[in-house]
Amino acid sequence: YKTYHAVSGDVHALNGVSISFEAGLFYAIVGRSGSGKSTLLHILG
C-alpha cells in the first residue's frame, strides 16, 4: 500500500498490490496516468 497525504485529503496510490517477477523476463507495467504504475516501480526499486 502507498498513501500520500495532501491538504485536499489522502491519495491512495497503491491498494494492496501483490506481484512476483521471474528472473530473465521482460515485464510491462501499464495503466492510465495516475493509476499508480510509476509509484509501484519506485517502490519496487
All heavy atoms as atom14 arrays in JSON, in Angstrom:
{
  "sequence": "YKTYHAVSGDVHALNGVSISFEAGLFYAIVGRSGSGKSTLLHILG",
  "atom14_mask": [
    [1, 1, 1, 1, 1, 1, 1, 1, 1, 1, 1, 1, 0, 0],
    [1, 1, 1, 1, 1, 1, 1, 1, 1, 0, 0, 0, 0, 0],
    [1, 1, 1, 1, 1, 1, 1, 0, 0, 0, 0, 0, 0, 0],
    [1, 1, 1, 1, 1, 1, 1, 1, 1, 1, 1, 1, 0, 0],
    [1, 1, 1, 1, 1, 1, 1, 1, 1, 1, 0, 0, 0, 0],
    [1, 1, 1, 1, 1, 0, 0, 0, 0, 0, 0, 0, 0, 0],
    [1, 1, 1, 1, 1, 1, 1, 0, 0, 0, 0, 0, 0, 0],
    [1, 1, 1, 1, 1, 1, 0, 0, 0, 0, 0, 0, 0, 0],
    [1, 1, 1, 1, 0, 0, 0, 0, 0, 0, 0, 0, 0, 0],
    [1, 1, 1, 1, 1, 1, 1, 1, 0, 0, 0, 0, 0, 0],
    [1, 1, 1, 1, 1, 1, 1, 0, 0, 0, 0, 0, 0, 0],
    [1, 1, 1, 1, 1, 1, 1, 1, 1, 1, 0, 0, 0, 0],
    [1, 1, 1, 1, 1, 0, 0, 0, 0, 0, 0, 0, 0, 0],
    [1, 1, 1, 1, 1, 1, 1, 1, 0, 0, 0, 0, 0, 0],
    [1, 1, 1, 1, 1, 1, 1, 1, 0, 0, 0, 0, 0, 0],
    [1, 1, 1, 1, 0, 0, 0, 0, 0, 0, 0, 0, 0, 0],
    [1, 1, 1, 1, 1, 1, 1, 0, 0, 0, 0, 0, 0, 0],
    [1, 1, 1, 1, 1, 1, 0, 0, 0, 0, 0, 0, 0, 0],
    [1, 1, 1, 1, 1, 1, 1, 1, 0, 0, 0, 0, 0, 0],
    [1, 1, 1, 1, 1, 1, 0, 0, 0, 0, 0, 0, 0, 0],
    [1, 1, 1, 1, 1, 1, 1, 1, 1, 1, 1, 0, 0, 0],
    [1, 1, 1, 1, 1, 1, 1, 1, 1, 0, 0, 0, 0, 0],
    [1, 1, 1, 1, 1, 0, 0, 0, 0, 0, 0, 0, 0, 0],
    [1, 1, 1, 1, 0, 0, 0, 0, 0, 0, 0, 0, 0, 0],
    [1, 1, 1, 1, 1, 1, 1, 1, 0, 0, 0, 0, 0, 0],
    [1, 1, 1, 1, 1, 1, 1, 1, 1, 1, 1, 0, 0, 0],
    [1, 1, 1, 1, 1, 1, 1, 1, 1, 1, 1, 1, 0, 0],
    [1, 1, 1, 1, 1, 0, 0, 0, 0, 0, 0, 0, 0, 0],
    [1, 1, 1, 1, 1, 1, 1, 1, 0, 0, 0, 0, 0, 0],
    [1, 1, 1, 1, 1, 1, 1, 0, 0, 0, 0, 0, 0, 0],
    [1, 1, 1, 1, 0, 0, 0, 0, 0, 0, 0, 0, 0, 0],
    [1, 1, 1, 1, 1, 1, 1, 1, 1, 1, 1, 0, 0, 0],
    [1, 1, 1, 1, 1, 1, 0, 0, 0, 0, 0, 0, 0, 0],
    [1, 1, 1, 1, 0, 0, 0, 0, 0, 0, 0, 0, 0, 0],
    [1, 1, 1, 1, 1, 1, 0, 0, 0, 0, 0, 0, 0, 0],
    [1, 1, 1, 1, 0, 0, 0, 0, 0, 0, 0, 0, 0, 0],
    [1, 1, 1, 1, 1, 1, 1, 1, 1, 0, 0, 0, 0, 0],
    [1, 1, 1, 1, 1, 1, 0, 0, 0, 0, 0, 0, 0, 0],
    [1, 1, 1, 1, 1, 1, 1, 0, 0, 0, 0, 0, 0, 0],
    [1, 1, 1, 1, 1, 1, 1, 1, 0, 0, 0, 0, 0, 0],
    [1, 1, 1, 1, 1, 1, 1, 1, 0, 0, 0, 0, 0, 0],
    [1, 1, 1, 1, 1, 1, 1, 1, 1, 1, 0, 0, 0, 0],
    [1, 1, 1, 1, 1, 1, 1, 1, 0, 0, 0, 0, 0, 0],
    [1, 1, 1, 1, 1, 1, 1, 1, 0, 0, 0, 0, 0, 0],
    [1, 1, 1, 1, 0, 0, 0, 0, 0, 0, 0, 0, 0, 0]
  ],
  "atom14_positions": [
    [[0.85, -1.19, 0.0], [0.0, 0.0, 0.0], [0.89, 1.24, 0.0], [1.97, 1.25, 0.58], [-0.88, 0.05, 1.25], [-2.03, -0.94, 1.26], [-1.81, -2.27, 1.58], [-3.34, -0.53, 0.96], [-2.86, -3.18, 1.61], [-4.38, -1.44, 0.97], [-4.15, -2.76, 1.3], [-5.19, -3.66, 1.32], [0.0, 0.0, 0.0], [0.0, 0.0, 0.0]],
    [[0.41, 2.3, -0.67], [1.1, 3.58, -0.62], [0.07, 4.68, -0.57], [-0.77, 4.83, -1.47], [2.01, 3.79, -1.83], [2.76, 5.13, -1.81], [3.74, 5.22, -0.64], [4.53, 6.53, -0.67], [5.5, 6.62, 0.45], [0.0, 0.0, 0.0], [0.0, 0.0, 0.0], [0.0, 0.0, 0.0], [0.0, 0.0, 0.0], [0.0, 0.0, 0.0]],
    [[0.14, 5.49, 0.51], [-0.78, 6.61, 0.69], [0.02, 7.9, 0.81], [0.99, 7.97, 1.59], [-1.64, 6.43, 1.96], [-2.41, 5.23, 1.83], [-2.58, 7.6, 2.15], [0.0, 0.0, 0.0], [0.0, 0.0, 0.0], [0.0, 0.0, 0.0], [0.0, 0.0, 0.0], [0.0, 0.0, 0.0], [0.0, 0.0, 0.0], [0.0, 0.0, 0.0]],
    [[-0.36, 8.89, 0.02], [0.25, 10.22, 0.1], [-0.73, 11.15, 0.82], [-1.93, 11.15, 0.54], [0.55, 10.77, -1.29], [1.6, 10.0, -2.04], [1.24, 9.11, -3.05], [2.95, 10.17, -1.75], [2.21, 8.4, -3.75], [3.92, 9.47, -2.45], [3.54, 8.58, -3.44], [4.5, 7.88, -4.13], [0.0, 0.0, 0.0], [0.0, 0.0, 0.0]],
    [[-0.2, 11.94, 1.73], [-1.04, 12.86, 2.49], [-0.97, 14.25, 1.85], [0.11, 14.8, 1.66], [-0.58, 12.91, 3.95], [-0.61, 11.58, 4.64], [-1.79, 10.91, 4.92], [0.4, 10.76, 5.05], [-1.51, 9.77, 5.51], [-0.19, 9.65, 5.6], [0.0, 0.0, 0.0], [0.0, 0.0, 0.0], [0.0, 0.0, 0.0], [0.0, 0.0, 0.0]],
    [[-2.11, 14.78, 1.5], [-2.19, 16.1, 0.87], [-3.2, 16.96, 1.61], [-4.05, 16.45, 2.37], [-2.59, 15.96, -0.6], [0.0, 0.0, 0.0], [0.0, 0.0, 0.0], [0.0, 0.0, 0.0], [0.0, 0.0, 0.0], [0.0, 0.0, 0.0], [0.0, 0.0, 0.0], [0.0, 0.0, 0.0], [0.0, 0.0, 0.0], [0.0, 0.0, 0.0]],
    [[-3.12, 18.25, 1.38], [-4.05, 19.19, 2.03], [-5.49, 18.85, 1.65], [-6.41, 18.95, 2.47], [-3.71, 20.64, 1.61], [-4.76, 21.6, 2.15], [-2.32, 21.02, 2.1], [0.0, 0.0, 0.0], [0.0, 0.0, 0.0], [0.0, 0.0, 0.0], [0.0, 0.0, 0.0], [0.0, 0.0, 0.0], [0.0, 0.0, 0.0], [0.0, 0.0, 0.0]],
    [[-5.67, 18.42, 0.41], [-7.02, 18.11, -0.08], [-7.53, 16.75, 0.39], [-8.68, 16.38, 0.16], [-7.05, 18.18, -1.6], [-6.1, 17.29, -2.16], [0.0, 0.0, 0.0], [0.0, 0.0, 0.0], [0.0, 0.0, 0.0], [0.0, 0.0, 0.0], [0.0, 0.0, 0.0], [0.0, 0.0, 0.0], [0.0, 0.0, 0.0], [0.0, 0.0, 0.0]],
    [[-6.63, 15.99, 1.04], [-7.03, 14.66, 1.51], [-6.01, 13.6, 1.11], [-5.1, 13.86, 0.33], [0.0, 0.0, 0.0], [0.0, 0.0, 0.0], [0.0, 0.0, 0.0], [0.0, 0.0, 0.0], [0.0, 0.0, 0.0], [0.0, 0.0, 0.0], [0.0, 0.0, 0.0], [0.0, 0.0, 0.0], [0.0, 0.0, 0.0], [0.0, 0.0, 0.0]],
    [[-6.14, 12.43, 1.67], [-5.22, 11.34, 1.37], [-5.42, 10.82, -0.04], [-6.55, 10.71, -0.54], [-5.42, 10.19, 2.36], [-4.95, 10.55, 3.76], [-4.28, 11.59, 3.9], [-5.26, 9.79, 4.69], [0.0, 0.0, 0.0], [0.0, 0.0, 0.0], [0.0, 0.0, 0.0], [0.0, 0.0, 0.0], [0.0, 0.0, 0.0], [0.0, 0.0, 0.0]],
    [[-4.28, 10.49, -0.69], [-4.31, 9.87, -2.02], [-3.78, 8.46, -1.88], [-2.63, 8.24, -1.48], [-3.43, 10.66, -3.01], [-3.41, 9.96, -4.37], [-3.93, 12.09, -3.14], [0.0, 0.0, 0.0], [0.0, 0.0, 0.0], [0.0, 0.0, 0.0], [0.0, 0.0, 0.0], [0.0, 0.0, 0.0], [0.0, 0.0, 0.0], [0.0, 0.0, 0.0]],
    [[-4.61, 7.49, -2.2], [-4.24, 6.08, -2.09], [-3.69, 5.61, -3.44], [-4.42, 5.16, -4.31], [-5.43, 5.25, -1.65], [-6.03, 5.7, -0.35], [-5.39, 5.54, 0.86], [-7.2, 6.36, -0.08], [-6.13, 6.05, 1.83], [-7.23, 6.56, 1.28], [0.0, 0.0, 0.0], [0.0, 0.0, 0.0], [0.0, 0.0, 0.0], [0.0, 0.0, 0.0]],
    [[-2.37, 5.71, -3.6], [-1.74, 5.4, -4.88], [-1.69, 3.91, -5.16], [-1.88, 3.48, -6.3], [-0.32, 5.98, -4.92], [0.0, 0.0, 0.0], [0.0, 0.0, 0.0], [0.0, 0.0, 0.0], [0.0, 0.0, 0.0], [0.0, 0.0, 0.0], [0.0, 0.0, 0.0], [0.0, 0.0, 0.0], [0.0, 0.0, 0.0], [0.0, 0.0, 0.0]],
    [[-1.44, 3.11, -4.13], [-1.42, 1.65, -4.27], [-2.29, 1.04, -3.18], [-2.23, 1.46, -2.02], [0.0, 1.1, -4.18], [0.98, 1.54, -5.28], [2.37, 0.98, -5.0], [0.5, 1.11, -6.65], [0.0, 0.0, 0.0], [0.0, 0.0, 0.0], [0.0, 0.0, 0.0], [0.0, 0.0, 0.0], [0.0, 0.0, 0.0], [0.0, 0.0, 0.0]],
    [[-3.06, 0.03, -3.55], [-4.05, -0.53, -2.64], [-3.93, -2.05, -2.56], [-4.76, -2.79, -3.08], [-5.47, -0.16, -3.09], [-5.73, 1.33, -3.03], [-5.72, 1.92, -1.96], [-5.91, 1.95, -4.18], [0.0, 0.0, 0.0], [0.0, 0.0, 0.0], [0.0, 0.0, 0.0], [0.0, 0.0, 0.0], [0.0, 0.0, 0.0], [0.0, 0.0, 0.0]],
    [[-2.84, -2.52, -1.94], [-2.68, -3.96, -1.73], [-2.17, -4.7, -2.94], [-2.73, -5.74, -3.31], [0.0, 0.0, 0.0], [0.0, 0.0, 0.0], [0.0, 0.0, 0.0], [0.0, 0.0, 0.0], [0.0, 0.0, 0.0], [0.0, 0.0, 0.0], [0.0, 0.0, 0.0], [0.0, 0.0, 0.0], [0.0, 0.0, 0.0], [0.0, 0.0, 0.0]],
    [[-1.09, -4.22, -3.54], [-0.52, -4.86, -4.74], [0.38, -6.02, -4.33], [1.27, -5.87, -3.49], [0.29, -3.85, -5.57], [1.04, -4.55, -6.7], [-0.63, -2.78, -6.14], [0.0, 0.0, 0.0], [0.0, 0.0, 0.0], [0.0, 0.0, 0.0], [0.0, 0.0, 0.0], [0.0, 0.0, 0.0], [0.0, 0.0, 0.0], [0.0, 0.0, 0.0]],
    [[0.14, -7.18, -4.94], [0.99, -8.36, -4.75], [1.36, -8.9, -6.14], [0.47, -9.3, -6.89], [0.29, -9.44, -3.93], [0.04, -9.0, -2.6], [0.0, 0.0, 0.0], [0.0, 0.0, 0.0], [0.0, 0.0, 0.0], [0.0, 0.0, 0.0], [0.0, 0.0, 0.0], [0.0, 0.0, 0.0], [0.0, 0.0, 0.0], [0.0, 0.0, 0.0]],
    [[2.65, -8.86, -6.47], [3.14, -9.29, -7.78], [4.49, -9.96, -7.6], [5.28, -9.55, -6.75], [3.33, -8.11, -8.76], [2.1, -7.23, -8.84], [3.7, -8.6, -10.15], [2.31, -5.98, -9.67], [0.0, 0.0, 0.0], [0.0, 0.0, 0.0], [0.0, 0.0, 0.0], [0.0, 0.0, 0.0], [0.0, 0.0, 0.0], [0.0, 0.0, 0.0]],
    [[4.75, -10.98, -8.41], [6.06, -11.63, -8.43], [6.69, -11.48, -9.8], [5.99, -11.5, -10.83], [5.95, -13.12, -8.08], [5.52, -13.29, -6.74], [0.0, 0.0, 0.0], [0.0, 0.0, 0.0], [0.0, 0.0, 0.0], [0.0, 0.0, 0.0], [0.0, 0.0, 0.0], [0.0, 0.0, 0.0], [0.0, 0.0, 0.0], [0.0, 0.0, 0.0]],
    [[8.02, -11.33, -9.83], [8.76, -11.17, -11.08], [9.81, -12.27, -11.19], [10.62, -12.44, -10.28], [9.44, -9.79, -11.12], [8.48, -8.64, -11.05], [8.08, -8.13, -9.82], [7.96, -8.08, -12.21], [7.18, -7.08, -9.75], [7.07, -7.02, -12.14], [6.67, -6.52, -10.91], [0.0, 0.0, 0.0], [0.0, 0.0, 0.0], [0.0, 0.0, 0.0]],
    [[9.78, -12.98, -12.3], [10.72, -14.08, -12.51], [11.98, -13.58, -13.2], [11.94, -12.64, -14.01], [10.06, -15.18, -13.34], [8.9, -15.84, -12.63], [8.26, -16.95, -13.46], [8.82, -17.29, -14.53], [7.21, -17.47, -13.05], [0.0, 0.0, 0.0], [0.0, 0.0, 0.0], [0.0, 0.0, 0.0], [0.0, 0.0, 0.0], [0.0, 0.0, 0.0]],
    [[13.08, -14.22, -12.89], [14.38, -13.82, -13.43], [14.39, -13.97, -14.96], [13.88, -14.95, -15.51], [15.48, -14.67, -12.82], [0.0, 0.0, 0.0], [0.0, 0.0, 0.0], [0.0, 0.0, 0.0], [0.0, 0.0, 0.0], [0.0, 0.0, 0.0], [0.0, 0.0, 0.0], [0.0, 0.0, 0.0], [0.0, 0.0, 0.0], [0.0, 0.0, 0.0]],
    [[14.96, -12.95, -15.63], [15.2, -13.03, -17.05], [14.05, -12.67, -17.96], [14.18, -12.73, -19.19], [0.0, 0.0, 0.0], [0.0, 0.0, 0.0], [0.0, 0.0, 0.0], [0.0, 0.0, 0.0], [0.0, 0.0, 0.0], [0.0, 0.0, 0.0], [0.0, 0.0, 0.0], [0.0, 0.0, 0.0], [0.0, 0.0, 0.0], [0.0, 0.0, 0.0]],
    [[12.91, -12.22, -17.41], [11.76, -11.88, -18.24], [11.61, -10.37, -18.39], [12.14, -9.59, -17.6], [10.47, -12.46, -17.65], [10.36, -13.99, -17.59], [8.98, -14.4, -17.08], [10.67, -14.63, -18.93], [0.0, 0.0, 0.0], [0.0, 0.0, 0.0], [0.0, 0.0, 0.0], [0.0, 0.0, 0.0], [0.0, 0.0, 0.0], [0.0, 0.0, 0.0]],
    [[10.88, -9.97, -19.42], [10.57, -8.56, -19.7], [9.12, -8.32, -19.29], [8.2, -8.92, -19.84], [10.8, -8.29, -21.19], [10.32, -6.94, -21.69], [10.0, -5.9, -20.84], [10.22, -6.72, -23.06], [9.56, -4.67, -21.31], [9.78, -5.5, -23.55], [9.45, -4.48, -22.69], [0.0, 0.0, 0.0], [0.0, 0.0, 0.0], [0.0, 0.0, 0.0]],
    [[8.92, -7.44, -18.31], [7.6, -7.09, -17.81], [7.25, -5.66, -18.2], [8.08, -4.76, -18.08], [7.55, -7.2, -16.28], [7.66, -8.59, -15.73], [8.91, -9.17, -15.54], [6.53, -9.33, -15.4], [9.02, -10.46, -15.03], [6.63, -10.61, -14.88], [7.88, -11.18, -14.7], [7.99, -12.45, -14.2], [0.0, 0.0, 0.0], [0.0, 0.0, 0.0]],
    [[6.01, -5.46, -18.61], [5.49, -4.12, -18.84], [4.41, -3.84, -17.81], [3.49, -4.66, -17.62], [4.91, -3.99, -20.24], [0.0, 0.0, 0.0], [0.0, 0.0, 0.0], [0.0, 0.0, 0.0], [0.0, 0.0, 0.0], [0.0, 0.0, 0.0], [0.0, 0.0, 0.0], [0.0, 0.0, 0.0], [0.0, 0.0, 0.0], [0.0, 0.0, 0.0]],
    [[4.54, -2.73, -17.1], [3.51, -2.28, -16.17], [2.74, -1.16, -16.85], [3.31, -0.12, -17.19], [4.12, -1.79, -14.85], [4.89, -2.91, -14.16], [3.02, -1.26, -13.92], [5.6, -2.49, -12.88], [0.0, 0.0, 0.0], [0.0, 0.0, 0.0], [0.0, 0.0, 0.0], [0.0, 0.0, 0.0], [0.0, 0.0, 0.0], [0.0, 0.0, 0.0]],
    [[1.48, -1.39, -17.12], [0.68, -0.45, -17.91], [-0.49, 0.07, -17.1], [-0.91, -0.52, -16.11], [0.17, -1.12, -19.2], [1.34, -1.57, -20.08], [-0.74, -2.31, -18.89], [0.0, 0.0, 0.0], [0.0, 0.0, 0.0], [0.0, 0.0, 0.0], [0.0, 0.0, 0.0], [0.0, 0.0, 0.0], [0.0, 0.0, 0.0], [0.0, 0.0, 0.0]],
    [[-1.0, 1.21, -17.53], [-2.15, 1.81, -16.85], [-2.26, 3.27, -17.22], [-1.33, 3.87, -17.76], [0.0, 0.0, 0.0], [0.0, 0.0, 0.0], [0.0, 0.0, 0.0], [0.0, 0.0, 0.0], [0.0, 0.0, 0.0], [0.0, 0.0, 0.0], [0.0, 0.0, 0.0], [0.0, 0.0, 0.0], [0.0, 0.0, 0.0], [0.0, 0.0, 0.0]],
    [[-3.41, 3.84, -16.94], [-3.64, 5.25, -17.24], [-2.8, 6.14, -16.34], [-2.32, 5.72, -15.3], [-5.13, 5.58, -17.09], [-6.03, 4.89, -18.1], [-7.48, 5.08, -17.75], [-7.82, 4.43, -16.48], [-9.01, 4.42, -15.94], [-10.01, 5.06, -16.54], [-9.23, 3.8, -14.8], [0.0, 0.0, 0.0], [0.0, 0.0, 0.0], [0.0, 0.0, 0.0]],
    [[-2.67, 7.4, -16.72], [-1.97, 8.38, -15.9], [-2.63, 8.46, -14.53], [-3.87, 8.55, -14.43], [-2.0, 9.75, -16.58], [-1.37, 10.72, -15.78], [0.0, 0.0, 0.0], [0.0, 0.0, 0.0], [0.0, 0.0, 0.0], [0.0, 0.0, 0.0], [0.0, 0.0, 0.0], [0.0, 0.0, 0.0], [0.0, 0.0, 0.0], [0.0, 0.0, 0.0]],
    [[-1.84, 8.38, -13.47], [-2.38, 8.43, -12.12], [-2.85, 7.11, -11.57], [-3.38, 7.05, -10.46], [0.0, 0.0, 0.0], [0.0, 0.0, 0.0], [0.0, 0.0, 0.0], [0.0, 0.0, 0.0], [0.0, 0.0, 0.0], [0.0, 0.0, 0.0], [0.0, 0.0, 0.0], [0.0, 0.0, 0.0], [0.0, 0.0, 0.0], [0.0, 0.0, 0.0]],
    [[-2.63, 6.02, -12.31], [-3.1, 4.71, -11.86], [-2.22, 4.11, -10.77], [-2.64, 3.17, -10.08], [-3.18, 3.74, -13.05], [-1.9, 3.54, -13.62], [0.0, 0.0, 0.0], [0.0, 0.0, 0.0], [0.0, 0.0, 0.0], [0.0, 0.0, 0.0], [0.0, 0.0, 0.0], [0.0, 0.0, 0.0], [0.0, 0.0, 0.0], [0.0, 0.0, 0.0]],
    [[-1.0, 4.63, -10.62], [-0.1, 4.11, -9.59], [1.07, 3.31, -10.14], [1.88, 2.79, -9.37], [0.0, 0.0, 0.0], [0.0, 0.0, 0.0], [0.0, 0.0, 0.0], [0.0, 0.0, 0.0], [0.0, 0.0, 0.0], [0.0, 0.0, 0.0], [0.0, 0.0, 0.0], [0.0, 0.0, 0.0], [0.0, 0.0, 0.0], [0.0, 0.0, 0.0]],
    [[1.2, 3.25, -11.47], [2.25, 2.38, -12.05], [3.67, 2.9, -11.76], [4.55, 2.1, -11.44], [2.03, 2.19, -13.54], [1.99, 3.44, -14.4], [1.59, 3.09, -15.84], [1.68, 4.3, -16.76], [0.74, 5.39, -16.35], [0.0, 0.0, 0.0], [0.0, 0.0, 0.0], [0.0, 0.0, 0.0], [0.0, 0.0, 0.0], [0.0, 0.0, 0.0]],
    [[3.89, 4.2, -11.85], [5.23, 4.73, -11.54], [5.53, 4.63, -10.05], [6.66, 4.35, -9.65], [5.36, 6.18, -12.0], [5.4, 6.26, -13.41], [0.0, 0.0, 0.0], [0.0, 0.0, 0.0], [0.0, 0.0, 0.0], [0.0, 0.0, 0.0], [0.0, 0.0, 0.0], [0.0, 0.0, 0.0], [0.0, 0.0, 0.0], [0.0, 0.0, 0.0]],
    [[4.52, 4.84, -9.21], [4.7, 4.66, -7.77], [5.13, 3.24, -7.47], [6.05, 3.01, -6.66], [3.39, 4.98, -7.03], [3.04, 6.35, -7.24], [3.53, 4.72, -5.54], [0.0, 0.0, 0.0], [0.0, 0.0, 0.0], [0.0, 0.0, 0.0], [0.0, 0.0, 0.0], [0.0, 0.0, 0.0], [0.0, 0.0, 0.0], [0.0, 0.0, 0.0]],
    [[4.5, 2.28, -8.13], [4.85, 0.87, -7.92], [6.31, 0.63, -8.33], [7.07, -0.02, -7.59], [3.91, -0.03, -8.72], [4.26, -1.53, -8.69], [4.23, -2.06, -7.26], [3.3, -2.31, -9.58], [0.0, 0.0, 0.0], [0.0, 0.0, 0.0], [0.0, 0.0, 0.0], [0.0, 0.0, 0.0], [0.0, 0.0, 0.0], [0.0, 0.0, 0.0]],
    [[6.71, 1.16, -9.48], [8.09, 0.95, -9.93], [9.08, 1.54, -8.94], [10.11, 0.93, -8.62], [8.3, 1.56, -11.32], [9.69, 1.35, -11.92], [9.61, 0.97, -13.39], [10.54, 2.61, -11.76], [0.0, 0.0, 0.0], [0.0, 0.0, 0.0], [0.0, 0.0, 0.0], [0.0, 0.0, 0.0], [0.0, 0.0, 0.0], [0.0, 0.0, 0.0]],
    [[8.8, 2.74, -8.43], [9.71, 3.37, -7.48], [9.81, 2.58, -6.18], [10.89, 2.5, -5.58], [9.25, 4.8, -7.2], [9.4, 5.71, -8.38], [8.8, 6.95, -8.45], [10.07, 5.56, -9.56], [9.09, 7.52, -9.61], [9.86, 6.69, -10.28], [0.0, 0.0, 0.0], [0.0, 0.0, 0.0], [0.0, 0.0, 0.0], [0.0, 0.0, 0.0]],
    [[8.72, 1.99, -5.75], [8.75, 1.17, -4.54], [9.49, -0.13, -4.8], [10.32, -0.57, -3.99], [7.32, 0.91, -4.04], [6.74, 2.2, -3.44], [7.29, -0.21, -3.0], [5.29, 2.12, -3.03], [0.0, 0.0, 0.0], [0.0, 0.0, 0.0], [0.0, 0.0, 0.0], [0.0, 0.0, 0.0], [0.0, 0.0, 0.0], [0.0, 0.0, 0.0]],
    [[9.27, -0.76, -5.94], [9.99, -1.99, -6.29], [11.49, -1.74, -6.37], [12.29, -2.6, -6.02], [9.49, -2.53, -7.64], [8.07, -3.09, -7.69], [7.67, -3.39, -9.13], [7.96, -4.36, -6.84], [0.0, 0.0, 0.0], [0.0, 0.0, 0.0], [0.0, 0.0, 0.0], [0.0, 0.0, 0.0], [0.0, 0.0, 0.0], [0.0, 0.0, 0.0]],
    [[11.85, -0.54, -6.84], [13.26, -0.21, -7.0], [13.91, 0.39, -5.77], [15.06, 0.84, -5.83], [0.0, 0.0, 0.0], [0.0, 0.0, 0.0], [0.0, 0.0, 0.0], [0.0, 0.0, 0.0], [0.0, 0.0, 0.0], [0.0, 0.0, 0.0], [0.0, 0.0, 0.0], [0.0, 0.0, 0.0], [0.0, 0.0, 0.0], [0.0, 0.0, 0.0]]
  ]
}
